[in-house]
Amino acid sequence: MRIMYINNFGGGFADHIEIEEGTTVSKLFAQKIPDGRPEDYLIRVNRLPASRDQILKEGDRITITPTKIEGAAA
């Protein structure tokens, strides 16, 4: 199935990707950002906050945005 993946990490990009039926938000996060910690990111599906066990559906739009930027002064 096809969804829109918007990655706001680094330079950021948006692209349609193919995923398996039944893919959850946490599974996709682990695939796309394997060394990342979900608590360090704002993850939304169709512009709404998403739970880790939310199952993605055909045509969904998921955005993954870091909440902490390396090198930023506190």
C-alpha atoms as a PDB file:
ATOM      1  CA  MET A   1       0.000   0.000   0.000  1.00  0.00           C
ATOM      2  CA  ARG A   2       1.169   3.552  -0.657  1.00  0.00           C
ATOM      3  CA  ILE A   3       1.489   6.431   1.833  1.00  0.00           C
ATOM      4  CA  MET A   4       3.179   9.840   1.878  1.00  0.00           C
ATOM      5  CA  TYR A   5       6.248   9.967   4.140  1.00  0.00           C
ATOM      6  CA  ILE A   6       7.523  13.394   5.169  1.00  0.00           C
ATOM      7  CA  ASN A   7      10.842  13.310   6.997  1.00  0.00           C
ATOM      8  CA  ASN A   8      11.777  16.621   8.598  1.00  0.00           C
ATOM      9  CA  PHE A   9      15.090  15.259   9.905  1.00  0.00           C
ATOM     10  CA  GLY A  10      18.122  17.028   8.424  1.00  0.00           C
ATOM     11  CA  GLY A  11      17.269  18.458   5.005  1.00  0.00           C
ATOM     12  CA  GLY A  12      13.869  16.823   5.030  1.00  0.00           C
ATOM     13  CA  PHE A  13      12.037  15.305   2.107  1.00  0.00           C
ATOM     14  CA  ALA A  14       8.600  14.053   1.123  1.00  0.00           C
ATOM     15  CA  ASP A  15       7.891  11.023  -1.008  1.00  0.00           C
ATOM     16  CA  HIS A  16       5.326   8.330  -1.580  1.00  0.00           C
ATOM     17  CA  ILE A  17       6.497   4.983  -0.195  1.00  0.00           C
ATOM     18  CA  GLU A  18       5.161   1.451  -0.307  1.00  0.00           C
ATOM     19  CA  ILE A  19       4.510  -0.275   3.022  1.00  0.00           C
ATOM     20  CA  GLU A  20       2.955  -3.587   4.051  1.00  0.00           C
ATOM     21  CA  GLU A  21      -0.688  -3.796   5.120  1.00  0.00           C
ATOM     22  CA  GLY A  22      -0.940  -3.560   8.913  1.00  0.00           C
ATOM     23  CA  THR A  23       2.213  -1.446   9.367  1.00  0.00           C
ATOM     24  CA  THR A  24       2.052   0.534  12.601  1.00  0.00           C
ATOM     25  CA  VAL A  25       3.516   3.955  13.284  1.00  0.00           C
ATOM     26  CA  SER A  26       6.192   2.434  15.560  1.00  0.00           C
ATOM     27  CA  LYS A  27       7.209  -0.168  12.950  1.00  0.00           C
ATOM     28  CA  LEU A  28       7.630   2.488  10.240  1.00  0.00           C
ATOM     29  CA  PHE A  29       9.573   4.730  12.652  1.00  0.00           C
ATOM     30  CA  ALA A  30      11.950   1.838  13.451  1.00  0.00           C
ATOM     31  CA  GLN A  31      12.479   1.205   9.733  1.00  0.00           C
ATOM     32  CA  LYS A  32      13.114   4.822   8.775  1.00  0.00           C
ATOM     33  CA  ILE A  33      15.019   6.046  11.860  1.00  0.00           C
ATOM     34  CA  PRO A  34      16.553   2.885  13.361  1.00  0.00           C
ATOM     35  CA  ASP A  35      18.821   4.700  15.831  1.00  0.00           C
ATOM     36  CA  GLY A  36      16.204   7.275  16.850  1.00  0.00           C
ATOM     37  CA  ARG A  37      14.172   7.433  20.041  1.00  0.00           C
ATOM     38  CA  PRO A  38      10.474   8.111  19.394  1.00  0.00           C
ATOM     39  CA  GLU A  39      10.276  10.450  22.400  1.00  0.00           C
ATOM     40  CA  ASP A  40      12.699  12.794  20.577  1.00  0.00           C
ATOM     41  CA  TYR A  41      10.297  13.220  17.629  1.00  0.00           C
ATOM     42  CA  LEU A  42       6.877  14.668  16.942  1.00  0.00           C
ATOM     43  CA  ILE A  43       5.056  12.042  14.886  1.00  0.00           C
ATOM     44  CA  ARG A  44       1.768  12.900  13.182  1.00  0.00           C
ATOM     45  CA  VAL A  45      -0.520  11.072  10.784  1.00  0.00           C
ATOM     46  CA  ASN A  46      -2.713  13.262   8.606  1.00  0.00           C
ATOM     47  CA  ARG A  47      -1.684  16.280  10.712  1.00  0.00           C
ATOM     48  CA  LEU A  48      -2.916  14.694  13.973  1.00  0.00           C
ATOM     49  CA  PRO A  49      -0.809  13.252  16.818  1.00  0.00           C
ATOM     50  CA  ALA A  50      -0.406   9.499  16.378  1.00  0.00           C
ATOM     51  CA  SER A  51      -0.116   6.649  18.847  1.00  0.00           C
ATOM     52  CA  ARG A  52       2.624   4.092  18.397  1.00  0.00           C
ATOM     53  CA  ASP A  53       0.137   1.285  17.706  1.00  0.00           C
ATOM     54  CA  GLN A  54      -1.868   3.225  15.103  1.00  0.00           C
ATOM     55  CA  ILE A  55      -2.121   1.208  11.889  1.00  0.00           C
ATOM     56  CA  LEU A  56      -1.333   3.185   8.748  1.00  0.00           C
ATOM     57  CA  LYS A  57      -3.857   3.133   5.908  1.00  0.00           C
ATOM     58  CA  GLU A  58      -3.660   3.689   2.160  1.00  0.00           C
ATOM     59  CA  GLY A  59      -3.206   7.400   1.414  1.00  0.00           C
ATOM     60  CA  ASP A  60      -2.133   8.398   4.940  1.00  0.00           C
ATOM     61  CA  ARG A  61       0.464  11.137   5.352  1.00  0.00           C
ATOM     62  CA  ILE A  62       2.990  10.633   8.155  1.00  0.00           C
ATOM     63  CA  THR A  63       5.417  13.317   9.321  1.00  0.00           C
ATOM     64  CA  ILE A  64       8.398  12.716  11.603  1.00  0.00           C
ATOM     65  CA  THR A  65       9.947  15.902  13.035  1.00  0.00           C
ATOM     66  CA  PRO A  66      12.764  16.004  15.611  1.00  0.00           C
ATOM     67  CA  THR A  67      11.976  17.990  18.766  1.00  0.00           C
ATOM     68  CA  LYS A  68      15.667  18.410  19.602  1.00  0.00           C
ATOM     69  CA  ILE A  69      18.184  19.891  17.214  1.00  0.00           C
ATOM     70  CA  GLU A  70      21.837  18.965  17.721  1.00  0.00           C
ATOM     71  CA  GLY A  71      24.077  21.882  18.465  1.00  0.00           C
ATOM     72  CA  ALA A  72      21.273  24.209  19.556  1.00  0.00           C
ATOM     73  CA  ALA A  73      22.043  26.237  22.669  1.00  0.00           C
ATOM     74  CA  ALA A  74      19.810  25.691  25.664  1.00  0.00           C
END
